[in-house]
C-alpha cells in the first residue's frame, strides 16, 4: 500500500506521522509525494508503525532499479 493511501485511510496527518517517526514533516512530505527516498532505517520504521501495511522495500525501490541494484547501493549504515 502507498504511504499516502495509508495515512488517508487511517486519518493520520503527515505532520503527526512525522512526529511519530521523529522526522521533519517536510521530509516525510517528500517521501509521501515521491520526491525523496527514506533511509533504510526510516523505511523499516515506517513499515513497523504501519503494521506492515506499507512495505519498506517498496518505499526504498526506485522504478528503474532492481532489488539487487538497490541492495548494492546501501552502505553499512543502511543509507542509499
PDB file of N, CA and C in Angstrom:
ATOM      1  N   UNK A   1       0.841  -1.171   0.000  1.00  0.00           N
ATOM      2  CA  UNK A   1       0.000   0.000   0.000  1.00  0.00           C
ATOM      3  C   UNK A   1       0.893   1.243   0.000  1.00  0.00           C
ATOM      4  N   UNK A   2       0.462   2.246  -0.692  1.00  0.00           N
ATOM      5  CA  UNK A   2       1.184   3.521  -0.711  1.00  0.00           C
ATOM      6  C   UNK A   2       1.032   4.213   0.639  1.00  0.00           C
ATOM      7  N   UNK A   3       2.074   4.897   1.070  1.00  0.00           N
ATOM      8  CA  UNK A   3       2.046   5.602   2.347  1.00  0.00           C
ATOM      9  C   UNK A   3       0.955   6.664   2.355  1.00  0.00           C
ATOM     10  N   UNK A   4       0.805   7.373   1.260  1.00  0.00           N
ATOM     11  CA  UNK A   4      -0.226   8.411   1.170  1.00  0.00           C
ATOM     12  C   UNK A   4      -1.616   7.815   1.406  1.00  0.00           C
ATOM     13  N   UNK A   5      -1.875   6.674   0.810  1.00  0.00           N
ATOM     14  CA  UNK A   5      -3.158   5.983   0.974  1.00  0.00           C
ATOM     15  C   UNK A   5      -3.344   5.539   2.422  1.00  0.00           C
ATOM     16  N   UNK A   6      -2.289   4.980   3.013  1.00  0.00           N
ATOM     17  CA  UNK A   6      -2.368   4.508   4.397  1.00  0.00           C
ATOM     18  C   UNK A   6      -2.692   5.669   5.352  1.00  0.00           C
ATOM     19  N   UNK A   7      -2.017   6.784   5.163  1.00  0.00           N
ATOM     20  CA  UNK A   7      -2.272   7.953   6.021  1.00  0.00           C
ATOM     21  C   UNK A   7      -3.719   8.404   5.891  1.00  0.00           C
ATOM     22  N   UNK A   8      -4.216   8.459   4.656  1.00  0.00           N
ATOM     23  CA  UNK A   8      -5.603   8.889   4.422  1.00  0.00           C
ATOM     24  C   UNK A   8      -6.599   7.912   5.049  1.00  0.00           C
ATOM     25  N   UNK A   9      -6.407   6.626   4.804  1.00  0.00           N
ATOM     26  CA  UNK A   9      -7.337   5.613   5.315  1.00  0.00           C
ATOM     27  C   UNK A   9      -7.340   5.549   6.839  1.00  0.00           C
ATOM     28  N   UNK A  10      -6.236   5.939   7.470  1.00  0.00           N
ATOM     29  CA  UNK A  10      -6.143   5.897   8.922  1.00  0.00           C
ATOM     30  C   UNK A  10      -6.320   7.269   9.573  1.00  0.00           C
ATOM     31  N   UNK A  11      -6.686   8.249   8.755  1.00  0.00           N
ATOM     32  CA  UNK A  11      -6.945   9.623   9.234  1.00  0.00           C
ATOM     33  C   UNK A  11      -5.787  10.175  10.066  1.00  0.00           C
ATOM     34  N   UNK A  12      -4.579   9.980   9.555  1.00  0.00           N
ATOM     35  CA  UNK A  12      -3.384  10.473  10.233  1.00  0.00           C
ATOM     36  C   UNK A  12      -2.745  11.532   9.348  1.00  0.00           C
ATOM     37  N   UNK A  13      -2.474  12.695   9.913  1.00  0.00           N
ATOM     38  CA  UNK A  13      -1.847  13.763   9.129  1.00  0.00           C
ATOM     39  C   UNK A  13      -0.365  13.458   8.928  1.00  0.00           C
ATOM     40  N   UNK A  14       0.181  14.037   7.868  1.00  0.00           N
ATOM     41  CA  UNK A  14       1.610  13.878   7.625  1.00  0.00           C
ATOM     42  C   UNK A  14       2.406  14.477   8.777  1.00  0.00           C
ATOM     43  N   UNK A  15       1.948  15.593   9.306  1.00  0.00           N
ATOM     44  CA  UNK A  15       2.651  16.223  10.425  1.00  0.00           C
ATOM     45  C   UNK A  15       2.694  15.308  11.642  1.00  0.00           C
ATOM     46  N   UNK A  16       1.563  14.677  11.983  1.00  0.00           N
ATOM     47  CA  UNK A  16       1.530  13.790  13.145  1.00  0.00           C
ATOM     48  C   UNK A  16       2.398  12.558  12.914  1.00  0.00           C
ATOM     49  N   UNK A  17       2.332  11.987  11.724  1.00  0.00           N
ATOM     50  CA  UNK A  17       3.127  10.802  11.430  1.00  0.00           C
ATOM     51  C   UNK A  17       4.616  11.136  11.449  1.00  0.00           C
ATOM     52  N   UNK A  18       4.964  12.336  10.978  1.00  0.00           N
ATOM     53  CA  UNK A  18       6.359  12.779  11.023  1.00  0.00           C
ATOM     54  C   UNK A  18       6.844  12.857  12.469  1.00  0.00           C
ATOM     55  N   UNK A  19       6.003  13.368  13.357  1.00  0.00           N
ATOM     56  CA  UNK A  19       6.348  13.423  14.786  1.00  0.00           C
ATOM     57  C   UNK A  19       6.564  12.002  15.310  1.00  0.00           C
ATOM     58  N   UNK A  20       5.673  11.095  14.964  1.00  0.00           N
ATOM     59  CA  UNK A  20       5.785   9.698  15.406  1.00  0.00           C
ATOM     60  C   UNK A  20       7.090   9.061  14.915  1.00  0.00           C
ATOM     61  N   UNK A  21       7.519   9.467  13.712  1.00  0.00           N
ATOM     62  CA  UNK A  21       8.751   8.931  13.124  1.00  0.00           C
ATOM     63  C   UNK A  21      10.003   9.638  13.631  1.00  0.00           C
ATOM     64  N   UNK A  22       9.822  10.852  14.154  1.00  0.00           N
ATOM     65  CA  UNK A  22      10.965  11.639  14.598  1.00  0.00           C
ATOM     66  C   UNK A  22      11.672  12.349  13.460  1.00  0.00           C
ATOM     67  N   UNK A  23      10.911  12.700  12.409  1.00  0.00           N
ATOM     68  CA  UNK A  23      11.479  13.431  11.274  1.00  0.00           C
ATOM     69  C   UNK A  23      10.677  14.716  11.055  1.00  0.00           C
ATOM     70  N   UNK A  24      11.246  15.635  10.289  1.00  0.00           N
ATOM     71  CA  UNK A  24      10.560  16.877   9.958  1.00  0.00           C
ATOM     72  C   UNK A  24       9.431  16.558   8.985  1.00  0.00           C
ATOM     73  N   UNK A  25       8.308  17.257   9.108  1.00  0.00           N
ATOM     74  CA  UNK A  25       7.152  16.966   8.255  1.00  0.00           C
ATOM     75  C   UNK A  25       7.468  17.179   6.776  1.00  0.00           C
ATOM     76  N   UNK A  26       8.361  18.113   6.452  1.00  0.00           N
ATOM     77  CA  UNK A  26       8.693  18.344   5.048  1.00  0.00           C
ATOM     78  C   UNK A  26       9.459  17.157   4.459  1.00  0.00           C
ATOM     79  N   UNK A  27      10.271  16.517   5.271  1.00  0.00           N
ATOM     80  CA  UNK A  27      10.983  15.316   4.817  1.00  0.00           C
ATOM     81  C   UNK A  27       9.974  14.212   4.515  1.00  0.00           C
ATOM     82  N   UNK A  28       9.030  14.009   5.430  1.00  0.00           N
ATOM     83  CA  UNK A  28       8.000  12.993   5.219  1.00  0.00           C
ATOM     84  C   UNK A  28       7.156  13.333   3.998  1.00  0.00           C
ATOM     85  N   UNK A  29       6.821  14.594   3.811  1.00  0.00           N
ATOM     86  CA  UNK A  29       6.032  15.014   2.659  1.00  0.00           C
ATOM     87  C   UNK A  29       6.739  14.631   1.364  1.00  0.00           C
ATOM     88  N   UNK A  30       8.049  14.803   1.313  1.00  0.00           N
ATOM     89  CA  UNK A  30       8.806  14.408   0.129  1.00  0.00           C
ATOM     90  C   UNK A  30       8.743  12.914  -0.123  1.00  0.00           C
ATOM     91  N   UNK A  31       8.781  12.134   0.940  1.00  0.00           N
ATOM     92  CA  UNK A  31       8.678  10.675   0.813  1.00  0.00           C
ATOM     93  C   UNK A  31       7.287  10.299   0.318  1.00  0.00           C
ATOM     94  N   UNK A  32       6.272  10.896   0.910  1.00  0.00           N
ATOM     95  CA  UNK A  32       4.887  10.613   0.531  1.00  0.00           C
ATOM     96  C   UNK A  32       4.647  10.949  -0.943  1.00  0.00           C
ATOM     97  N   UNK A  33       5.207  12.062  -1.407  1.00  0.00           N
ATOM     98  CA  UNK A  33       4.975  12.509  -2.777  1.00  0.00           C
ATOM     99  C   UNK A  33       5.975  11.956  -3.783  1.00  0.00           C
ATOM    100  N   UNK A  34       6.949  11.166  -3.308  1.00  0.00           N
ATOM    101  CA  UNK A  34       7.878  10.506  -4.210  1.00  0.00           C
ATOM    102  C   UNK A  34       9.078  11.316  -4.658  1.00  0.00           C
ATOM    103  N   UNK A  35       9.260  12.507  -4.102  1.00  0.00           N
ATOM    104  CA  UNK A  35      10.420  13.311  -4.495  1.00  0.00           C
ATOM    105  C   UNK A  35      11.654  13.004  -3.647  1.00  0.00           C
ATOM    106  N   UNK A  36      11.458  12.273  -2.550  1.00  0.00           N
ATOM    107  CA  UNK A  36      12.570  11.866  -1.683  1.00  0.00           C
ATOM    108  C   UNK A  36      12.411  10.391  -1.362  1.00  0.00           C
ATOM    109  N   UNK A  37      13.542   9.779  -1.006  1.00  0.00           N
ATOM    110  CA  UNK A  37      13.519   8.381  -0.586  1.00  0.00           C
ATOM    111  C   UNK A  37      14.051   8.302   0.840  1.00  0.00           C
ATOM    112  N   UNK A  38      13.411   7.487   1.668  1.00  0.00           N
ATOM    113  CA  UNK A  38      13.867   7.365   3.056  1.00  0.00           C
ATOM    114  C   UNK A  38      15.142   6.541   3.156  1.00  0.00           C
ATOM    115  N   UNK A  39      15.836   6.694   4.270  1.00  0.00           N
ATOM    116  CA  UNK A  39      16.945   5.795   4.559  1.00  0.00           C
ATOM    117  C   UNK A  39      16.353   4.412   4.813  1.00  0.00           C
ATOM    118  N   UNK A  40      17.190   3.409   4.799  1.00  0.00           N
ATOM    119  CA  UNK A  40      16.725   2.054   5.071  1.00  0.00           C
ATOM    120  C   UNK A  40      16.107   1.989   6.469  1.00  0.00           C
ATOM    121  N   UNK A  41      16.773   2.617   7.426  1.00  0.00           N
ATOM    122  CA  UNK A  41      16.286   2.621   8.810  1.00  0.00           C
ATOM    123  C   UNK A  41      14.902   3.266   8.895  1.00  0.00           C
ATOM    124  N   UNK A  42      14.715   4.414   8.238  1.00  0.00           N
ATOM    125  CA  UNK A  42      13.422   5.101   8.271  1.00  0.00           C
ATOM    126  C   UNK A  42      12.357   4.293   7.547  1.00  0.00           C
ATOM    127  N   UNK A  43      12.709   3.672   6.449  1.00  0.00           N
ATOM    128  CA  UNK A  43      11.736   2.856   5.707  1.00  0.00           C
ATOM    129  C   UNK A  43      11.209   1.723   6.577  1.00  0.00           C
ATOM    130  N   UNK A  44      12.093   1.063   7.318  1.00  0.00           N
ATOM    131  CA  UNK A  44      11.639  -0.019   8.187  1.00  0.00           C
ATOM    132  C   UNK A  44      10.873   0.503   9.398  1.00  0.00           C
ATOM    133  N   UNK A  45      11.161   1.712   9.839  1.00  0.00           N
ATOM    134  CA  UNK A  45      10.390   2.323  10.921  1.00  0.00           C
ATOM    135  C   UNK A  45       8.970   2.624  10.433  1.00  0.00           C
ATOM    136  N   UNK A  46       8.852   3.105   9.199  1.00  0.00           N
ATOM    137  CA  UNK A  46       7.531   3.344   8.612  1.00  0.00           C
ATOM    138  C   UNK A  46       6.767   2.033   8.512  1.00  0.00           C
ATOM    139  N   UNK A  47       7.438   0.996   8.045  1.00  0.00           N
ATOM    140  CA  UNK A  47       6.791  -0.314   7.934  1.00  0.00           C
ATOM    141  C   UNK A  47       6.283  -0.778   9.299  1.00  0.00           C
ATOM    142  N   UNK A  48       7.095  -0.599  10.324  1.00  0.00           N
ATOM    143  CA  UNK A  48       6.702  -1.020  11.671  1.00  0.00           C
ATOM    144  C   UNK A  48       5.501  -0.217  12.188  1.00  0.00           C
ATOM    145  N   UNK A  49       5.540   1.106  12.018  1.00  0.00           N
ATOM    146  CA  UNK A  49       4.451   1.950  12.511  1.00  0.00           C
ATOM    147  C   UNK A  49       3.140   1.741  11.753  1.00  0.00           C
ATOM    148  N   UNK A  50       3.241   1.233  10.522  1.00  0.00           N
ATOM    149  CA  UNK A  50       2.030   0.956   9.742  1.00  0.00           C
ATOM    150  C   UNK A  50       1.624  -0.514   9.835  1.00  0.00           C
ATOM    151  N   UNK A  51       2.229  -1.222  10.782  1.00  0.00           N
ATOM    152  CA  UNK A  51       1.941  -2.648  10.983  1.00  0.00           C
ATOM    153  C   UNK A  51       2.132  -3.461   9.702  1.00  0.00           C
ATOM    154  N   UNK A  52       3.130  -3.075   8.923  1.00  0.00           N
ATOM    155  CA  UNK A  52       3.466  -3.812   7.718  1.00  0.00           C
ATOM    156  C   UNK A  52       2.609  -3.506   6.507  1.00  0.00           C
ATOM    157  N   UNK A  53       1.648  -2.610   6.669  1.00  0.00           N
ATOM    158  CA  UNK A  53       0.775  -2.287   5.536  1.00  0.00           C
ATOM    159  C   UNK A  53       1.495  -1.471   4.469  1.00  0.00           C
ATOM    160  N   UNK A  54       2.525  -0.735   4.867  1.00  0.00           N
ATOM    161  CA  UNK A  54       3.379  -0.011   3.923  1.00  0.00           C
ATOM    162  C   UNK A  54       4.733  -0.711   3.961  1.00  0.00           C
ATOM    163  N   UNK A  55       5.141  -1.263   2.847  1.00  0.00           N
ATOM    164  CA  UNK A  55       6.365  -2.057   2.767  1.00  0.00           C
ATOM    165  C   UNK A  55       7.612  -1.191   2.692  1.00  0.00           C
ATOM    166  N   UNK A  56       8.585  -1.509   3.529  1.00  0.00           N
ATOM    167  CA  UNK A  56       9.868  -0.808   3.495  1.00  0.00           C
ATOM    168  C   UNK A  56      10.532  -0.988   2.135  1.00  0.00           C
ATOM    169  N   UNK A  57      10.451  -2.179   1.597  1.00  0.00           N
ATOM    170  CA  UNK A  57      11.092  -2.446   0.311  1.00  0.00           C
ATOM    171  C   UNK A  57      10.484  -1.620  -0.813  1.00  0.00           C
ATOM    172  N   UNK A  58       9.172  -1.448  -0.791  1.00  0.00           N
ATOM    173  CA  UNK A  58       8.536  -0.625  -1.813  1.00  0.00           C
ATOM    174  C   UNK A  58       8.905   0.850  -1.643  1.00  0.00           C
ATOM    175  N   UNK A  59       9.055   1.294  -0.405  1.00  0.00           N
ATOM    176  CA  UNK A  59       9.474   2.680  -0.164  1.00  0.00           C
ATOM    177  C   UNK A  59      10.883   2.929  -0.691  1.00  0.00           C
ATOM    178  N   UNK A  60      11.735   1.923  -0.608  1.00  0.00           N
ATOM    179  CA  UNK A  60      13.135   2.072  -0.994  1.00  0.00           C
ATOM    180  C   UNK A  60      13.381   1.876  -2.482  1.00  0.00           C
ATOM    181  N   UNK A  61      12.557   1.077  -3.119  1.00  0.00           N
ATOM    182  CA  UNK A  61      12.797   0.733  -4.512  1.00  0.00           C
ATOM    183  C   UNK A  61      12.405   1.879  -5.438  1.00  0.00           C
ATOM    184  N   UNK A  62      13.329   2.230  -6.305  1.00  0.00           N
ATOM    185  CA  UNK A  62      13.043   3.200  -7.352  1.00  0.00           C
ATOM    186  C   UNK A  62      12.621   2.419  -8.594  1.00  0.00           C
ATOM    187  N   UNK A  63      11.740   2.970  -9.365  1.00  0.00           N
ATOM    188  CA  UNK A  63      11.179   2.248 -10.506  1.00  0.00           C
ATOM    189  C   UNK A  63      12.237   1.691 -11.448  1.00  0.00           C
ATOM    190  N   UNK A  64      13.317   2.428 -11.619  1.00  0.00           N
ATOM    191  CA  UNK A  64      14.329   1.998 -12.588  1.00  0.00           C
ATOM    192  C   UNK A  64      15.319   0.996 -12.023  1.00  0.00           C
ATOM    193  N   UNK A  65      15.217   0.661 -10.759  1.00  0.00           N
ATOM    194  CA  UNK A  65      16.181  -0.223 -10.121  1.00  0.00           C
ATOM    195  C   UNK A  65      15.613  -1.616  -9.876  1.00  0.00           C
ATOM    196  N   UNK A  66      16.506  -2.569  -9.912  1.00  0.00           N
ATOM    197  CA  UNK A  66      16.145  -3.909  -9.469  1.00  0.00           C
ATOM    198  C   UNK A  66      16.453  -3.992  -7.975  1.00  0.00           C
ATOM    199  N   UNK A  67      15.969  -5.016  -7.317  1.00  0.00           N
ATOM    200  CA  UNK A  67      16.243  -5.189  -5.887  1.00  0.00           C
ATOM    201  C   UNK A  67      17.738  -5.371  -5.647  1.00  0.00           C
ATOM    202  N   UNK A  68      18.420  -6.052  -6.572  1.00  0.00           N
ATOM    203  CA  UNK A  68      19.854  -6.275  -6.422  1.00  0.00           C
ATOM    204  C   UNK A  68      20.633  -4.959  -6.497  1.00  0.00           C
ATOM    205  N   UNK A  69      20.237  -4.086  -7.427  1.00  0.00           N
ATOM    206  CA  UNK A  69      20.894  -2.781  -7.550  1.00  0.00           C
ATOM    207  C   UNK A  69      20.677  -1.954  -6.289  1.00  0.00           C
ATOM    208  N   UNK A  70      19.483  -2.027  -5.732  1.00  0.00           N
ATOM    209  CA  UNK A  70      19.183  -1.292  -4.505  1.00  0.00           C
ATOM    210  C   UNK A  70      20.060  -1.808  -3.365  1.00  0.00           C
ATOM    211  N   UNK A  71      20.152  -3.116  -3.220  1.00  0.00           N
ATOM    212  CA  UNK A  71      20.970  -3.710  -2.158  1.00  0.00           C
ATOM    213  C   UNK A  71      22.434  -3.288  -2.296  1.00  0.00           C
ATOM    214  N   UNK A  72      22.939  -3.303  -3.520  1.00  0.00           N
ATOM    215  CA  UNK A  72      24.330  -2.937  -3.758  1.00  0.00           C
ATOM    216  C   UNK A  72      24.620  -1.489  -3.413  1.00  0.00           C
ATOM    217  N   UNK A  73      23.629  -0.617  -3.481  1.00  0.00           N
ATOM    218  CA  UNK A  73      23.831   0.803  -3.205  1.00  0.00           C
ATOM    219  C   UNK A  73      23.834   1.137  -1.708  1.00  0.00           C
ATOM    220  N   UNK A  74      23.285   0.248  -0.904  1.00  0.00           N
ATOM    221  CA  UNK A  74      23.207   0.512   0.534  1.00  0.00           C
ATOM    222  C   UNK A  74      24.586   0.405   1.177  1.00  0.00           C
ATOM    223  N   UNK A  75      24.914   1.372   2.025  1.00  0.00           N
ATOM    224  CA  UNK A  75      26.182   1.301   2.751  1.00  0.00           C
ATOM    225  C   UNK A  75      25.975   0.576   4.075  1.00  0.00           C
ATOM    226  N   UNK A  76      26.992   0.506   4.891  1.00  0.00           N
ATOM    227  CA  UNK A  76      26.933  -0.217   6.158  1.00  0.00           C
ATOM    228  C   UNK A  76      25.906   0.370   7.124  1.00  0.00           C
ATOM    229  N   UNK A  77      25.597   1.659   6.978  1.00  0.00           N
ATOM    230  CA  UNK A  77      24.611   2.302   7.852  1.00  0.00           C
ATOM    231  C   UNK A  77      23.184   2.179   7.311  1.00  0.00           C
ATOM    232  N   UNK A  78      23.030   1.516   6.171  1.00  0.00           N
ATOM    233  CA  UNK A  78      21.705   1.336   5.608  1.00  0.00           C
ATOM    234  C   UNK A  78      21.204   2.541   4.838  1.00  0.00           C
ATOM    235  N   UNK A  79      22.109   3.414   4.414  1.00  0.00           N
ATOM    236  CA  UNK A  79      21.701   4.587   3.642  1.00  0.00           C
ATOM    237  C   UNK A  79      22.015   4.379   2.181  1.00  0.00           C
ATOM    238  N   UNK A  80      21.162   4.938   1.344  1.00  0.00           N
ATOM    239  CA  UNK A  80      21.370   4.836  -0.105  1.00  0.00           C
ATOM    240  C   UNK A  80      22.331   5.909  -0.567  1.00  0.00           C
TER     241      UNK A  80
END
